[in-house]
Amino acid sequence: MHAIRLHAFGPAENLTYEEVEDPTPGPGQVRIAVRAAGVHLLDTALREGQRGPAPAPATLPTIPGREVAGTVDALGDGTPGHWLGKRVVAHLGFAPGGYAELAVTDADRLHEIPERLDFAQAVAMIGTGRTAMGIVQFAEPGPGDVVLVPAAAGGIGTLLVQYAKNAGATVIGLAGGPEKTARVTANGADLAVDYRAPGWEDRLAAHEGKVTIVYDGVGGDVARTAVGLLAPGGKHVVFGWSAEGIDADSPYLVDGVSVNVLGPEMLRRAGGPNPVRTLELRALDQAAAGHLTPAVHRFPLTDAAKAHRALENRGTTGKVVLEP
């Protein structure tokens, strides 16, 4: 098979397209003929040798990638036969191997892909979709809410806009540039604002003191402006800070208003014996019902380095996916 391999930690150019031996599924495992492999920002950090939440840095050489979708083409000993030939999606955990034409994983990690989703969309739903379902647990929108979503054209932002609109809320989406704001409008937002345009804050003046929920993955000046629009009792839900790091002195972290949802509390709220799987199932169910449609930015598998660079430079829209 062909795969992307990393022989030395460092820049995106260290990702190389090579021919390697086909993997063989072990007991209780399946092999997936991969049609889509998810690329996460964490992948770029692991590529550079950072450990992140992983138990240890990757052992080199390695095939990166932790999210795959495709068709089961081989079974290991003891694996239920009904999986053979199924369209499936799976998060591999911290086991590498996703950026490849074939990948192996435990059968208990599999989800059958809903009929209305293609492979790339399915990868998006168990990645960004799972995270979006975790975020809304902290502030469920409903009729009467005014929801503001910075980075509304991104993978998570797209789903949060859709989710809030489906719940009956008024939705304001912020994005950088006219192309991205057009996407936000097409996605259903009541107002789309380009935060790169001069005087963009003025377009939000009418909403001062009326916003009830801010879903914030950006931080920085954009988040400070958003928090300034909150109504009494409004919630600022923080799940990332792409523009600026967060610390105890960040002026937009307001006691009783802001909550950082990254961490074990998200999983505790999800519940069930496997909280990660609980959130994955919720995301896939929302997509299967037609309530959520993920944004996907596709690259050929051969362009894995280009995909990493684009993700690091904020040059993507939606979930980044490699397609063999």
Protein backbone atom coordinates (compact mmCIF):
# COMPACT_ATOMS: atom_id res chain seq x y z
CA MET A 1 0.00 0.00 0.00
CA HIS A 2 0.95 3.67 -0.14
CA ALA A 3 1.13 5.78 2.99
CA ILE A 4 2.49 9.02 4.38
CA ARG A 5 5.46 8.40 6.65
CA LEU A 6 7.38 10.60 9.05
CA HIS A 7 11.04 9.68 9.55
CA ALA A 8 12.15 12.75 11.52
CA PHE A 9 10.25 15.29 13.60
CA GLY A 10 10.06 18.71 12.03
CA PRO A 11 8.31 20.70 9.30
CA ALA A 12 5.51 19.53 7.04
CA GLU A 13 8.04 18.69 4.31
CA ASN A 14 9.14 15.73 6.46
CA LEU A 15 5.91 13.96 5.52
CA THR A 16 6.74 11.65 2.60
CA TYR A 17 4.56 9.51 0.35
CA GLU A 18 5.95 5.97 0.27
CA GLU A 19 5.09 2.36 -0.51
CA VAL A 20 4.99 0.22 2.63
CA GLU A 21 3.87 -3.26 3.65
CA ASP A 22 0.13 -3.87 3.99
CA PRO A 23 -1.01 -4.08 7.64
CA THR A 24 -2.67 -7.26 8.96
CA PRO A 25 -5.53 -7.11 11.47
CA GLY A 26 -4.98 -8.93 14.77
CA PRO A 27 -7.57 -10.64 16.99
CA GLY A 28 -10.69 -8.52 17.37
CA GLN A 29 -9.50 -6.06 14.73
CA VAL A 30 -10.49 -5.06 11.22
CA ARG A 31 -8.59 -3.64 8.28
CA ILE A 32 -10.12 -0.66 6.54
CA ALA A 33 -9.57 0.26 2.90
CA VAL A 34 -9.27 3.96 3.64
CA ARG A 35 -11.25 6.47 1.60
CA ALA A 36 -10.75 9.46 3.91
CA ALA A 37 -8.29 10.25 6.70
CA GLY A 38 -8.79 13.16 9.07
CA VAL A 39 -6.10 15.76 9.72
CA HIS A 40 -6.19 17.50 13.09
CA LEU A 41 -4.17 20.46 14.35
CA LEU A 42 -2.81 18.08 16.98
CA ASP A 43 -1.29 16.06 14.13
CA THR A 44 0.91 19.02 13.27
CA ALA A 45 2.17 19.24 16.84
CA LEU A 46 2.88 15.49 16.98
CA ARG A 47 4.73 15.82 13.65
CA GLU A 48 7.04 18.35 15.29
CA GLY A 49 7.77 15.96 18.16
CA GLN A 50 5.47 17.52 20.73
CA ARG A 51 3.72 15.09 22.98
CA GLY A 52 0.48 16.99 23.57
CA PRO A 53 -2.09 14.75 25.26
CA ALA A 54 -0.46 11.63 23.79
CA PRO A 55 1.08 9.25 26.33
CA ALA A 56 4.49 9.59 24.63
CA PRO A 57 6.01 11.03 21.47
CA ALA A 58 5.56 8.87 18.39
CA THR A 59 8.13 6.19 17.64
CA LEU A 60 9.74 6.90 14.28
CA PRO A 61 9.25 6.14 11.50
CA THR A 62 5.49 6.42 11.83
CA ILE A 63 2.38 6.82 9.71
CA PRO A 64 0.45 9.75 11.24
CA GLY A 65 -3.31 10.08 11.43
CA ARG A 66 -5.93 9.02 13.95
CA GLU A 67 -9.28 9.28 12.10
CA VAL A 68 -10.25 7.11 9.14
CA ALA A 69 -13.27 6.12 7.09
CA GLY A 70 -13.58 3.47 4.42
CA THR A 71 -14.73 -0.09 3.81
CA VAL A 72 -13.74 -3.09 5.93
CA ASP A 73 -11.77 -5.45 3.69
CA ALA A 74 -10.28 -7.94 6.18
CA LEU A 75 -11.04 -9.32 9.64
CA GLY A 76 -8.81 -10.56 12.42
CA ASP A 77 -9.47 -13.70 14.44
CA GLY A 78 -12.64 -13.47 16.49
CA THR A 79 -13.93 -10.33 14.81
CA PRO A 80 -17.68 -10.51 14.06
CA GLY A 81 -18.18 -11.34 10.39
CA HIS A 82 -20.92 -8.79 9.82
CA TRP A 83 -18.29 -6.02 9.63
CA LEU A 84 -16.80 -7.33 6.38
CA GLY A 85 -17.69 -4.96 3.53
CA LYS A 86 -19.29 -2.35 5.78
CA ARG A 87 -18.75 1.40 5.32
CA VAL A 88 -17.21 2.46 8.61
CA VAL A 89 -15.56 5.34 10.39
CA ALA A 90 -13.28 5.13 13.41
CA HIS A 91 -11.04 7.18 15.65
CA LEU A 92 -7.83 5.23 16.15
CA GLY A 93 -7.02 6.80 19.52
CA PHE A 94 -3.30 7.50 19.72
CA ALA A 95 -2.42 4.51 17.54
CA PRO A 96 -0.90 5.87 14.31
CA GLY A 97 -1.71 4.71 10.81
CA GLY A 98 -4.47 6.89 9.37
CA TYR A 99 -2.64 8.56 6.49
CA ALA A 100 -2.60 5.41 4.36
CA GLU A 101 -4.51 3.33 1.86
CA LEU A 102 -5.10 0.67 4.52
CA ALA A 103 -5.48 1.01 8.30
CA VAL A 104 -6.07 -1.41 11.17
CA THR A 105 -8.13 -0.78 14.29
CA ASP A 106 -10.15 -2.58 16.96
CA ALA A 107 -13.67 -3.51 15.89
CA ASP A 108 -15.12 -1.87 19.00
CA ARG A 109 -13.97 1.52 17.69
CA LEU A 110 -16.09 1.26 14.54
CA HIS A 111 -19.22 3.16 13.63
CA GLU A 112 -21.22 2.25 10.55
CA ILE A 113 -21.50 5.32 8.33
CA PRO A 114 -25.03 6.70 7.88
CA GLU A 115 -26.24 6.39 4.31
CA ARG A 116 -26.47 10.13 3.66
CA LEU A 117 -22.81 10.77 4.57
CA ASP A 118 -19.78 10.26 2.37
CA PHE A 119 -16.50 9.05 3.85
CA ALA A 120 -14.97 12.50 4.36
CA GLN A 121 -18.11 13.82 6.05
CA ALA A 122 -18.15 10.82 8.37
CA VAL A 123 -14.55 11.57 9.43
CA ALA A 124 -15.57 15.16 10.12
CA MET A 125 -18.45 14.08 12.34
CA ILE A 126 -16.39 11.84 14.64
CA GLY A 127 -13.74 14.56 14.91
CA THR A 128 -15.13 18.08 14.78
CA GLY A 129 -18.69 16.82 15.21
CA ARG A 130 -17.80 15.03 18.41
CA THR A 131 -16.18 18.19 19.76
CA ALA A 132 -19.18 20.33 18.79
CA MET A 133 -21.50 17.98 20.66
CA GLY A 134 -19.25 18.29 23.69
CA ILE A 135 -19.26 22.09 23.52
CA VAL A 136 -23.03 22.58 23.38
CA GLN A 137 -23.44 20.54 26.58
CA PHE A 138 -22.19 23.63 28.45
CA ALA A 139 -24.73 26.02 26.93
CA GLU A 140 -27.63 24.49 25.02
CA PRO A 141 -29.17 27.10 22.70
CA GLY A 142 -32.88 27.52 22.23
CA PRO A 143 -35.55 29.93 20.99
CA GLY A 144 -34.87 33.39 22.36
CA ASP A 145 -31.11 32.90 22.50
CA VAL A 146 -28.73 35.08 20.52
CA VAL A 147 -25.64 32.99 19.78
CA LEU A 148 -22.36 34.45 18.57
CA VAL A 149 -19.82 32.13 16.93
CA PRO A 150 -16.30 33.46 16.19
CA ALA A 151 -14.51 31.44 13.47
CA ALA A 152 -17.95 30.48 12.18
CA ALA A 153 -16.58 29.22 8.83
CA GLY A 154 -14.33 26.63 10.47
CA GLY A 155 -15.13 22.97 10.97
CA ILE A 156 -16.48 23.33 14.50
CA GLY A 157 -17.96 26.78 13.88
CA THR A 158 -19.97 25.52 10.92
CA LEU A 159 -21.60 22.85 13.06
CA LEU A 160 -22.25 25.22 15.97
CA VAL A 161 -24.02 27.66 13.63
CA GLN A 162 -26.20 24.87 12.27
CA TYR A 163 -26.93 23.44 15.71
CA ALA A 164 -27.97 26.81 17.14
CA LYS A 165 -30.19 27.60 14.13
CA ASN A 166 -31.87 24.20 14.40
CA ALA A 167 -32.58 24.98 18.06
CA GLY A 168 -34.37 28.20 17.09
CA ALA A 169 -31.70 30.69 18.14
CA THR A 170 -30.64 33.86 16.35
CA VAL A 171 -27.07 33.28 15.16
CA ILE A 172 -24.25 35.77 14.50
CA GLY A 173 -21.18 34.33 12.79
CA LEU A 174 -17.77 35.98 12.61
CA ALA A 175 -15.20 34.99 9.98
CA GLY A 176 -12.12 36.40 8.28
CA GLY A 177 -12.66 37.61 4.73
CA PRO A 178 -15.61 37.89 2.34
CA GLU A 179 -15.34 34.33 1.04
CA LYS A 180 -15.65 32.92 4.54
CA THR A 181 -18.47 35.25 5.56
CA ALA A 182 -20.36 34.16 2.44
CA ARG A 183 -20.02 30.59 3.66
CA VAL A 184 -21.36 31.58 7.07
CA THR A 185 -24.40 33.21 5.48
CA ALA A 186 -25.01 30.18 3.27
CA ASN A 187 -24.76 28.03 6.39
CA GLY A 188 -27.78 29.77 7.90
CA ALA A 189 -26.41 32.54 10.14
CA ASP A 190 -28.70 35.55 10.56
CA LEU A 191 -25.70 37.89 10.44
CA ALA A 192 -22.19 37.22 9.11
CA VAL A 193 -19.46 39.74 9.96
CA ASP A 194 -15.93 39.96 8.56
CA TYR A 195 -13.70 40.63 11.57
CA ARG A 196 -10.87 41.68 9.25
CA ALA A 197 -12.86 44.58 7.82
CA PRO A 198 -12.27 48.08 9.29
CA GLY A 199 -14.90 49.00 11.84
CA TRP A 200 -16.37 45.50 11.95
CA GLU A 201 -17.31 45.96 15.59
CA ASP A 202 -19.81 48.65 14.57
CA ARG A 203 -21.92 46.05 12.77
CA LEU A 204 -22.48 44.37 16.14
CA ALA A 205 -23.45 47.49 18.08
CA ALA A 206 -27.17 46.73 17.86
CA HIS A 207 -26.55 43.44 19.68
CA GLU A 208 -24.74 44.92 22.68
CA GLY A 209 -26.16 43.43 25.85
CA LYS A 210 -28.31 40.96 23.90
CA VAL A 211 -25.98 38.03 23.12
CA THR A 212 -26.72 35.10 25.42
CA ILE A 213 -24.08 32.56 24.29
CA VAL A 214 -20.60 32.96 22.80
CA TYR A 215 -18.97 29.76 21.50
CA ASP A 216 -15.34 30.88 21.35
CA GLY A 217 -12.47 29.01 19.72
CA VAL A 218 -10.49 32.13 18.84
CA GLY A 219 -9.61 34.25 21.87
CA GLY A 220 -7.79 37.56 21.49
CA ASP A 221 -9.47 40.83 20.51
CA VAL A 222 -12.32 39.06 18.71
CA ALA A 223 -13.31 37.27 21.91
CA ARG A 224 -13.01 40.43 23.98
CA THR A 225 -15.43 42.15 21.62
CA ALA A 226 -17.81 39.19 21.74
CA VAL A 227 -17.83 39.04 25.53
CA GLY A 228 -18.59 42.75 25.61
CA LEU A 229 -21.89 42.01 23.85
CA LEU A 230 -23.11 39.49 26.43
CA ALA A 231 -26.42 40.01 28.16
CA PRO A 232 -26.60 39.66 31.96
CA GLY A 233 -26.28 35.96 32.70
CA GLY A 234 -24.84 35.24 29.27
CA LYS A 235 -22.28 32.46 28.79
CA HIS A 236 -18.84 32.54 27.18
CA VAL A 237 -17.91 28.97 26.29
CA VAL A 238 -14.18 28.67 25.49
CA PHE A 239 -12.94 25.67 23.51
CA GLY A 240 -9.81 27.11 21.88
CA TRP A 241 -7.66 30.18 21.48
CA SER A 242 -6.19 30.23 18.00
CA ALA A 243 -5.56 33.99 18.15
CA GLU A 244 -4.10 34.23 21.63
CA GLY A 245 -3.23 32.03 24.58
CA ILE A 246 -5.48 32.01 27.61
CA ASP A 247 -4.23 32.56 31.15
CA ALA A 248 -5.62 33.80 34.44
CA ASP A 249 -5.02 37.43 33.45
CA SER A 250 -6.84 37.32 30.11
CA PRO A 251 -9.25 40.28 30.30
CA TYR A 252 -12.12 38.51 28.57
CA LEU A 253 -12.19 35.61 31.05
CA VAL A 254 -14.93 36.85 33.35
CA ASP A 255 -15.73 34.99 36.56
CA GLY A 256 -19.14 33.40 36.37
CA VAL A 257 -19.39 34.00 32.63
CA SER A 258 -16.55 32.10 30.95
CA VAL A 259 -15.96 28.37 31.08
CA ASN A 260 -13.08 26.51 29.44
CA VAL A 261 -14.63 23.29 28.17
CA LEU A 262 -11.43 21.56 27.11
CA GLY A 263 -10.66 18.77 29.55
CA PRO A 264 -12.32 15.98 31.52
CA GLU A 265 -15.50 17.92 32.32
CA MET A 266 -16.65 17.60 28.70
CA LEU A 267 -16.38 13.83 28.91
CA ARG A 268 -17.94 13.67 32.37
CA ARG A 269 -21.00 15.49 31.08
CA ALA A 270 -21.27 13.20 28.06
CA GLY A 271 -21.66 10.19 30.34
CA GLY A 272 -21.88 6.53 29.45
CA PRO A 273 -19.21 3.83 29.77
CA ASN A 274 -17.27 5.42 26.88
CA PRO A 275 -17.93 9.20 26.83
CA VAL A 276 -15.90 9.77 23.65
CA ARG A 277 -18.03 7.22 21.83
CA THR A 278 -21.17 8.81 23.31
CA LEU A 279 -20.27 12.13 21.66
CA GLU A 280 -19.33 10.43 18.39
CA LEU A 281 -22.72 8.72 18.27
CA ARG A 282 -24.55 11.97 18.99
CA ALA A 283 -22.68 13.68 16.15
CA LEU A 284 -23.35 10.88 13.67
CA ASP A 285 -27.03 10.75 14.69
CA GLN A 286 -27.38 14.51 14.08
CA ALA A 287 -25.82 14.10 10.65
CA ALA A 288 -27.89 11.03 9.80
CA ALA A 289 -31.06 13.00 10.61
CA GLY A 290 -29.95 15.82 8.30
CA HIS A 291 -29.60 18.35 11.12
CA LEU A 292 -25.83 18.84 10.71
CA THR A 293 -23.75 18.88 7.53
CA PRO A 294 -20.01 19.28 8.11
CA ALA A 295 -17.73 21.50 6.07
CA VAL A 296 -14.87 19.48 4.57
CA HIS A 297 -11.61 20.67 2.99
CA ARG A 298 -10.24 17.81 0.89
CA PHE A 299 -6.65 17.09 -0.16
CA PRO A 300 -5.21 14.08 -2.00
CA LEU A 301 -3.22 11.79 0.28
CA THR A 302 -0.12 12.69 -1.72
CA ASP A 303 -0.55 16.31 -0.58
CA ALA A 304 -0.37 15.61 3.16
CA ALA A 305 2.44 18.14 3.62
CA LYS A 306 0.41 20.79 1.79
CA ALA A 307 -2.60 20.00 4.00
CA HIS A 308 -0.49 20.43 7.16
CA ARG A 309 0.88 23.76 5.97
CA ALA A 310 -2.58 25.03 5.06
CA LEU A 311 -3.96 24.02 8.44
CA GLU A 312 -1.10 25.67 10.31
CA ASN A 313 -1.52 28.88 8.27
CA ARG A 314 -5.30 28.98 8.77
CA GLY A 315 -5.76 28.50 5.06
CA THR A 316 -8.49 25.86 5.31
CA THR A 317 -12.26 25.94 5.65
CA GLY A 318 -13.84 23.04 7.50
CA LYS A 319 -12.43 19.69 8.50
CA VAL A 320 -9.21 18.83 6.66
CA VAL A 321 -9.35 15.36 5.09
CA LEU A 322 -6.86 13.36 3.02
CA GLU A 323 -8.29 11.12 0.31
CA PRO A 324 -6.15 8.22 -1.05
